[in-house]
Every structure is written in structure tokens, then in C-alpha cells.
């Protein structure tokens, strides 16, 4: 009896089970099986689900940060203070996906990448312009600054027309006044905040932010472009405590009172300079941030982190405006303070 021998060409199939007959592989299922084979088999899609789940959770945390509750330890505000840094988990997940050789995890890691880019991609581009009608500087000089005069001279060298200082201790006010009087003939100090200007200052007065002493002020500066209302503020500090979480209630109340004062401001052009102990992402500052623009977000390059000066991780110092157009925003070199000074130029 003659044996029947079959060849691969006769059967139209290979040992790996892929159909090679004419017309085979042209269906969607065939193409999908072929793609899986090229990626290394279905195993790469079946493993790495834990990494994929973590990637999805990370994307949701960033996208839905406003829904993280503040009822327990103000976790929502704590997250929002350091929100850009959450993206550091992305390369960790990417490395884990590559080591696991998981196609599923690699695809899932794209989700937090897209969310982070959507939220912060605009900040990392350089939006700084040139020129401007007015340059301003704000700086928390630190009550324990070892060189007040040197810090003041460094700020004067910035060329700004208006400089706002926070955390001015009474023992050092005279040193700041002496060092700045040559460049700024007009100034006012209200409590622990002060404003120095090359243009006349009027109607300077404290702003009550509900803490029992003066850490916020308002003044009118008469510029060549008209009157501008300047607010200088140093909102209460926040603390991260193991047993209490992110304690910020006093800061939150102060932010609301400051926001109410700005709402009532009769002058159209308004500039806010200060240490708000919070970022533009922090929902607790919404009474202020909802009605004003960050110069860094509108006309800066990068995140403009200002604190701590030794290794800036967050921007809790702010320059915000309404009624004027941000042209450029930047950080200045370190001084003797634990904060970096910030500068911005605006146009009418």
C-alpha cells in the first residue's frame, strides 16, 4: 500500500498553526493572530495586569485630583500641592512593564502619560515674551534671613518697578528700607508685608485675612498706564503632620477673605504678589485663583517652583493678575531666604 505523504504546501498550514493557504490571514482574526505572534505571543498580553491596573489608577488620581476628599487630613490639597511630581511614577511603571515584557502594561502606561501631558505639557513650554509695561517682583525674604541688606540689593538689581516683600521682621525693616530707598523712593510696610515702588503709592492699608495680625495689604500704585491695585499677602503656613495630615484650615479661611477683598476692588487693574502657601492647583485657593491669572502659567517657562530654595519642589509663591496681560514670568537667583524670588512683566 502506498503511503500518503503531505507537505506544508499541501496542507497550507505551518507548525505554529498559522494558515498559509491562499486568502488565509486576510480576515480580521487572522491579522490579529499574526500581530500577536509578531509581539511575541499572547503571553505578553496576558501578563502585567497589576502594572496596568496601577497605571490606570495613577491616571485617575491625576485626572480626578479635585475629587480626592479633604475631609481626612486635607489629602486633596496635599496631593494638589505636589501634583506635577506624581508623574514620577510613570517612568517607574514603564520600566516595570518593560522588565515584565508586558504589552498590556505598556499600553496602559500611555494613559497617565497622556493625562500628565494634558495637564502640565503647556507649562513646560517657553511662553515668555519680551518687553512689557511694568515689571514686578515678589519675595518671601524669611524672618531669619542672615543678610537683609544683601537680599534687598539683589532684588533692586532686578530692575523691577514694584517689589513686594513678605515675612518682614520688625528688627530688619530699617535695613530693607535703607537698602531699597535709592531705587524705590516710595514704599509702605503693613505688619510683616511691604511694597516698594518707583511710582507713587497711595491708599495703602491692611487687608484682614482673619489671623489677628497684619500679613496682607492693599495699595494703589500710580503708574504711567494708570492706577493699579497691588495686593501683597503672606497666607498662614500649612503643616504636614503624621497624626493630622495636611493641616491648612487657617490658610484656607485666609484665602477666602483675601479673595473677597479682591472681588470688592474698584480698580480694574489688579496685581497680587505674595506667598500663598499653596499652588494654582490647590482647590483651597479657588476664591483667589478663580478670578486671577498666574503669570507663570500664562507667560512662563517651566513650573517656576519657588520653595524650598535649596531644591525647589513646588510654587507656593505667586504672581497673579487681572485686567493686565502677562508678558513674561521667571524666577530670580537665590538670596538668603528659603524661598526663591519671582518676577514677571505685564502690559496694559
Protein backbone atom coordinates (compact mmCIF):
# COMPACT_ATOMS: atom_id res chain seq x y z
CA UNK A 1 0.00 0.00 0.00
CA UNK A 2 1.34 3.34 -0.96
CA UNK A 3 1.83 5.83 1.89
CA UNK A 4 0.35 9.24 1.58
CA UNK A 5 2.84 11.99 2.31
CA UNK A 6 1.65 15.53 2.94
CA UNK A 7 3.71 18.63 2.85
CA UNK A 8 3.30 22.05 4.36
CA UNK A 9 2.39 23.36 0.95
CA UNK A 10 -0.30 20.66 0.60
CA UNK A 11 -1.96 21.38 3.91
CA UNK A 12 -1.49 25.08 3.69
CA UNK A 13 -0.56 25.23 7.38
CA UNK A 14 2.56 25.64 9.49
CA UNK A 15 3.56 24.07 12.74
CA UNK A 16 2.71 27.28 14.57
CA UNK A 17 -0.88 26.88 13.41
CA UNK A 18 -0.93 29.88 11.08
CA UNK A 19 -2.88 29.19 7.91
CA UNK A 20 -0.78 29.83 4.78
CA UNK A 21 -3.32 28.85 2.16
CA UNK A 22 -4.28 31.49 -0.41
CA UNK A 23 -6.59 34.04 1.15
CA UNK A 24 -5.77 32.96 4.70
CA UNK A 25 -4.79 35.69 7.15
CA UNK A 26 -6.82 38.29 5.31
CA UNK A 27 -9.61 38.19 7.88
CA UNK A 28 -9.53 40.44 10.94
CA UNK A 29 -9.00 37.41 13.19
CA UNK A 30 -6.11 36.24 11.07
CA UNK A 31 -4.44 39.61 11.11
CA UNK A 32 -4.91 39.85 14.88
CA UNK A 33 -3.31 36.43 15.41
CA UNK A 34 -0.44 37.47 13.20
CA UNK A 35 0.06 40.69 15.17
CA UNK A 36 0.06 38.76 18.44
CA UNK A 37 2.65 36.41 17.03
CA UNK A 38 4.87 39.30 16.00
CA UNK A 39 4.65 40.79 19.50
CA UNK A 40 5.87 37.53 20.95
CA UNK A 41 2.70 35.63 21.56
CA UNK A 42 -0.43 36.02 23.58
CA UNK A 43 1.54 35.68 26.80
CA UNK A 44 2.72 39.26 26.57
CA UNK A 45 -0.87 40.42 26.68
CA UNK A 46 -1.86 38.08 29.48
CA UNK A 47 0.80 39.17 31.97
CA UNK A 48 1.43 42.53 33.64
CA UNK A 49 -2.15 43.21 34.67
CA UNK A 50 -1.15 44.55 38.09
CA UNK A 51 1.17 47.08 36.47
CA UNK A 52 -1.60 48.01 34.05
CA UNK A 53 -4.04 48.49 36.93
CA UNK A 54 -1.57 50.75 38.76
CA UNK A 55 -1.16 52.82 35.60
CA UNK A 56 -4.92 53.29 35.30
CA UNK A 57 -5.16 54.27 38.99
CA UNK A 58 -2.35 56.79 38.54
CA UNK A 59 -4.12 58.34 35.55
CA UNK A 60 -7.36 58.59 37.50
CA UNK A 61 -5.65 60.19 40.52
CA UNK A 62 -4.19 62.92 38.33
CA UNK A 63 -7.28 63.48 36.21
CA UNK A 64 -9.69 63.43 39.16
CA UNK A 65 -7.50 65.11 41.78
CA UNK A 66 -10.25 67.61 42.58
CA UNK A 67 -12.39 64.71 43.84
CA UNK A 68 -9.82 63.43 46.32
CA UNK A 69 -11.52 64.36 49.63
CA UNK A 70 -10.12 66.92 52.03
CA UNK A 71 -12.15 65.62 54.96
CA UNK A 72 -9.31 63.40 56.17
CA UNK A 73 -6.08 65.29 56.66
CA UNK A 74 -6.70 67.58 53.67
CA UNK A 75 -5.30 64.87 51.43
CA UNK A 76 -6.74 66.53 48.36
CA UNK A 77 -4.84 69.78 48.95
CA UNK A 78 -1.67 67.88 49.83
CA UNK A 79 -1.91 65.97 46.54
CA UNK A 80 -2.56 69.17 44.58
CA UNK A 81 0.42 70.94 46.15
CA UNK A 82 2.82 68.42 44.66
CA UNK A 83 0.65 67.22 41.76
CA UNK A 84 3.25 67.54 38.96
CA UNK A 85 5.58 65.23 40.89
CA UNK A 86 3.01 62.42 40.76
CA UNK A 87 4.21 61.94 37.20
CA UNK A 88 7.48 60.50 38.54
CA UNK A 89 5.59 57.22 38.96
CA UNK A 90 5.25 56.98 35.16
CA UNK A 91 8.88 56.00 34.36
CA UNK A 92 8.78 53.51 37.24
CA UNK A 93 5.71 51.82 35.75
CA UNK A 94 7.24 51.95 32.28
CA UNK A 95 10.39 50.22 33.50
CA UNK A 96 8.31 47.59 35.27
CA UNK A 97 6.30 46.97 32.08
CA UNK A 98 9.49 46.54 30.05
CA UNK A 99 11.03 44.16 32.58
CA UNK A 100 7.79 42.18 32.71
CA UNK A 101 7.70 42.21 28.89
CA UNK A 102 4.02 43.02 29.07
CA UNK A 103 2.29 44.57 26.08
CA UNK A 104 -0.82 45.18 28.20
CA UNK A 105 1.13 47.17 30.77
CA UNK A 106 2.92 49.19 28.11
CA UNK A 107 -0.37 50.22 26.55
CA UNK A 108 -1.84 51.08 29.97
CA UNK A 109 1.13 53.30 30.87
CA UNK A 110 0.15 55.52 27.95
CA UNK A 111 -2.91 56.65 29.96
CA UNK A 112 -1.05 58.53 32.74
CA UNK A 113 1.40 59.87 30.15
CA UNK A 114 -1.45 61.43 28.17
CA UNK A 115 -3.11 62.81 31.32
CA UNK A 116 0.13 64.36 32.61
CA UNK A 117 0.92 65.94 29.25
CA UNK A 118 -2.62 67.31 29.01
CA UNK A 119 -2.37 68.85 32.49
CA UNK A 120 1.21 70.12 32.51
CA UNK A 121 2.51 69.97 28.96
CA UNK A 122 1.65 73.63 28.43
CA UNK A 123 3.72 74.64 31.45
CA UNK A 124 6.96 73.09 30.26
CA UNK A 125 6.95 75.09 27.02
CA UNK A 126 8.56 78.52 26.94
CA UNK A 127 5.83 81.16 26.64
CA UNK A 128 7.96 84.13 27.71
CA UNK A 129 7.67 87.26 25.61
CA UNK A 130 9.76 90.40 25.52
CA UNK A 131 9.06 93.92 26.65
CA UNK A 132 6.15 94.78 28.88
CA UNK A 133 4.97 97.98 30.54
CA UNK A 134 5.68 97.02 34.15
CA UNK A 135 7.99 94.55 35.89
CA UNK A 136 7.17 93.29 39.38
CA UNK A 137 8.97 91.10 41.92
CA UNK A 138 7.70 89.21 44.94
CA UNK A 139 9.82 87.57 47.63
CA UNK A 140 9.34 85.93 50.99
CA UNK A 141 12.58 87.18 52.49
CA UNK A 142 12.44 84.86 55.54
CA UNK A 143 12.37 86.37 59.02
CA UNK A 144 15.68 84.65 59.79
CA UNK A 145 17.44 85.92 56.67
CA UNK A 146 21.11 86.42 57.67
CA UNK A 147 21.69 89.20 55.11
CA UNK A 148 18.65 91.50 54.72
CA UNK A 149 20.65 94.31 53.10
CA UNK A 150 22.25 91.95 50.57
CA UNK A 151 18.88 90.43 49.72
CA UNK A 152 17.38 93.89 49.21
CA UNK A 153 20.22 95.00 46.92
CA UNK A 154 19.89 91.81 44.89
CA UNK A 155 16.16 92.46 44.37
CA UNK A 156 16.79 96.08 43.38
CA UNK A 157 19.23 94.88 40.71
CA UNK A 158 16.35 93.03 39.04
CA UNK A 159 15.19 96.35 37.58
CA UNK A 160 11.59 95.81 38.71
CA UNK A 161 9.42 98.89 39.16
CA UNK A 162 7.47 97.34 42.04
CA UNK A 163 8.78 94.92 44.70
CA UNK A 164 6.64 93.16 47.32
CA UNK A 165 8.23 91.55 50.38
CA UNK A 166 6.73 89.14 52.87
CA UNK A 167 7.84 87.88 56.29
CA UNK A 168 9.44 91.17 57.24
CA UNK A 169 10.53 91.06 60.90
CA UNK A 170 10.33 94.37 62.72
CA UNK A 171 14.03 94.23 63.60
CA UNK A 172 15.02 94.14 59.90
CA UNK A 173 12.59 96.61 58.32
CA UNK A 174 15.03 99.51 58.65
CA UNK A 175 17.72 97.52 56.80
CA UNK A 176 15.39 96.80 53.90
CA UNK A 177 14.28 100.43 53.79
CA UNK A 178 17.85 101.69 53.75
CA UNK A 179 18.98 99.25 51.03
CA UNK A 180 15.98 99.91 48.77
CA UNK A 181 15.45 103.65 49.15
CA UNK A 182 17.85 104.55 46.34
CA UNK A 183 15.95 102.53 43.72
CA UNK A 184 12.47 102.87 45.19
CA UNK A 185 11.51 106.29 46.54
CA UNK A 186 8.03 105.12 47.54
CA UNK A 187 7.21 102.35 49.96
CA UNK A 188 4.75 101.19 52.59
CA UNK A 189 5.04 98.50 55.24
CA UNK A 190 1.92 96.99 56.77
CA UNK A 191 2.65 94.47 59.51
CA UNK A 192 5.01 91.87 58.06
CA UNK A 193 4.39 92.72 54.38
CA UNK A 194 5.69 95.67 52.40
CA UNK A 195 5.60 97.27 48.97
CA UNK A 196 8.39 99.28 47.32
CA UNK A 197 7.75 101.24 44.12
CA UNK A 198 9.37 103.63 41.66
CA UNK A 199 5.94 105.17 41.22
CA UNK A 200 3.77 106.95 43.83
CA UNK A 201 1.87 104.77 46.30
CA UNK A 202 -1.47 105.78 47.78
CA UNK A 203 -4.38 104.35 49.76
CA UNK A 204 -2.18 101.76 51.47
CA UNK A 205 -3.96 99.76 54.14
CA UNK A 206 -4.02 96.33 55.77
CA UNK A 207 -6.29 93.58 54.49
CA UNK A 208 -7.96 91.50 57.18
CA UNK A 209 -7.39 87.79 56.48
CA UNK A 210 -8.65 86.66 59.87
CA UNK A 211 -5.44 85.74 61.68
CA UNK A 212 -5.24 88.54 64.27
CA UNK A 213 -2.26 90.43 62.86
CA UNK A 214 -1.35 92.02 59.54
CA UNK A 215 0.04 89.70 56.86
CA UNK A 216 -1.81 91.15 53.88
CA UNK A 217 -2.11 94.63 52.44
CA UNK A 218 -3.52 96.63 49.56
CA UNK A 219 -2.16 99.79 47.91
CA UNK A 220 -2.72 101.87 44.77
CA UNK A 221 0.33 102.46 42.60
CA UNK A 222 0.03 105.29 40.08
CA UNK A 223 1.88 104.01 37.01
CA UNK A 224 2.26 105.59 33.55
CA UNK A 225 -0.52 103.23 32.46
CA UNK A 226 -2.90 104.37 35.18
CA UNK A 227 -3.73 103.25 38.69
CA UNK A 228 -3.00 99.63 39.58
CA UNK A 229 -4.23 97.97 42.76
CA UNK A 230 -1.46 95.92 44.35
CA UNK A 231 -2.14 93.24 46.94
CA UNK A 232 0.68 91.79 48.98
CA UNK A 233 -0.08 88.72 51.04
CA UNK A 234 1.50 86.04 53.16
CA UNK A 235 -1.13 83.45 53.94
CA UNK A 236 -0.76 81.26 57.04
CA UNK A 237 1.63 78.35 56.78
CA UNK A 238 0.48 74.77 56.39
CA UNK A 239 1.90 71.76 58.15
CA UNK A 240 2.16 68.08 57.28
CA UNK A 241 1.67 66.08 60.48
CA UNK A 242 1.62 62.32 60.82
CA UNK A 243 -1.41 62.34 63.09
CA UNK A 244 -3.32 65.15 61.37
CA UNK A 245 -2.25 65.07 57.74
CA UNK A 246 -2.10 68.37 55.86
CA UNK A 247 -3.32 70.99 58.34
CA UNK A 248 -4.39 74.06 56.41
CA UNK A 249 -7.69 75.33 57.82
CA UNK A 250 -6.34 78.76 58.83
CA UNK A 251 -4.72 79.16 55.40
CA UNK A 252 -7.98 78.23 53.68
CA UNK A 253 -10.02 80.78 55.66
CA UNK A 254 -7.42 83.48 54.95
CA UNK A 255 -7.54 82.69 51.22
CA UNK A 256 -11.31 83.14 51.19
CA UNK A 257 -11.06 86.53 52.92
CA UNK A 258 -8.34 87.66 50.52
CA UNK A 259 -10.47 86.55 47.57
CA UNK A 260 -13.42 88.55 48.91
CA UNK A 261 -11.25 91.68 49.23
CA UNK A 262 -10.09 91.34 45.61
CA UNK A 263 -13.67 90.85 44.41
CA UNK A 264 -14.59 94.19 46.02
CA UNK A 265 -11.61 96.02 44.48
CA UNK A 266 -12.90 99.00 42.45
CA UNK A 267 -9.77 99.37 40.27
CA UNK A 268 -9.78 97.25 37.12
CA UNK A 269 -6.04 96.52 37.02
CA UNK A 270 -5.05 94.26 39.92
CA UNK A 271 -1.76 92.53 40.75
CA UNK A 272 -1.38 90.04 43.61
CA UNK A 273 2.13 89.38 44.90
CA UNK A 274 2.83 87.02 47.74
CA UNK A 275 3.48 83.76 49.48
CA UNK A 276 0.12 82.00 49.39
CA UNK A 277 1.40 78.72 50.82
CA UNK A 278 -0.48 76.94 48.06
CA UNK A 279 -0.35 76.24 44.35
CA UNK A 280 -2.66 77.17 41.50
CA UNK A 281 -3.91 73.55 41.57
CA UNK A 282 -4.96 73.73 45.22
CA UNK A 283 -8.75 73.92 45.41
CA UNK A 284 -8.49 75.72 48.77
CA UNK A 285 -7.24 78.84 46.95
CA UNK A 286 -10.08 78.82 44.42
CA UNK A 287 -11.56 82.06 45.80
CA UNK A 288 -8.38 83.79 44.58
CA UNK A 289 -7.24 81.66 41.64
CA UNK A 290 -10.68 81.57 40.02
CA UNK A 291 -10.63 85.32 39.41
CA UNK A 292 -6.96 85.88 38.56
CA UNK A 293 -4.33 84.55 36.13
CA UNK A 294 -0.97 83.13 37.09
CA UNK A 295 1.79 84.91 35.20
CA UNK A 296 3.81 81.69 35.23
CA UNK A 297 1.01 79.68 33.67
CA UNK A 298 0.29 82.33 31.06
CA UNK A 299 3.79 83.57 30.21
CA UNK A 300 6.41 81.45 31.95
CA UNK A 301 8.84 78.69 31.09
CA UNK A 302 8.61 75.55 33.17
CA UNK A 303 6.89 75.18 36.52
CA UNK A 304 8.61 78.12 38.22
CA UNK A 305 9.00 76.27 41.52
CA UNK A 306 9.95 78.64 44.35
CA UNK A 307 10.23 76.55 47.52
CA UNK A 308 12.41 75.35 49.12
CA UNK A 309 15.19 77.43 47.59
CA UNK A 310 17.76 74.65 48.10
CA UNK A 311 15.72 72.22 45.96
CA UNK A 312 12.53 73.85 44.64
CA UNK A 313 9.66 71.36 44.54
CA UNK A 314 6.54 73.49 44.41
CA UNK A 315 5.34 77.00 43.57
CA UNK A 316 3.70 78.37 46.70
CA UNK A 317 4.78 81.94 45.91
CA UNK A 318 2.59 83.56 43.29
CA UNK A 319 2.25 86.50 40.94
CA UNK A 320 -1.35 86.76 39.74
CA UNK A 321 -3.07 89.44 37.70
CA UNK A 322 -6.37 90.56 36.28
CA UNK A 323 -7.04 93.48 33.96
CA UNK A 324 -3.47 93.36 32.63
CA UNK A 325 -1.73 90.97 30.24
CA UNK A 326 1.18 88.76 31.39
CA UNK A 327 4.16 89.08 29.06
CA UNK A 328 6.87 87.08 30.82
CA UNK A 329 7.41 85.30 34.14
CA UNK A 330 10.55 83.85 35.71
CA UNK A 331 12.39 83.00 38.93
CA UNK A 332 15.32 85.03 40.22
CA UNK A 333 18.56 83.66 41.73
CA UNK A 334 18.58 82.56 45.39
CA UNK A 335 19.03 85.07 48.18
CA UNK A 336 19.49 84.49 51.89
CA UNK A 337 15.89 83.25 52.10
CA UNK A 338 14.46 79.74 51.94
CA UNK A 339 12.21 80.94 49.07
CA UNK A 340 13.23 81.98 45.58
CA UNK A 341 12.14 85.45 44.42
CA UNK A 342 9.75 85.60 41.45
CA UNK A 343 9.46 88.21 38.72
CA UNK A 344 7.01 89.00 35.95
CA UNK A 345 6.41 91.66 33.33
CA UNK A 346 2.93 92.74 32.28
CA UNK A 347 1.44 95.03 29.66
CA UNK A 348 -1.60 97.19 29.71
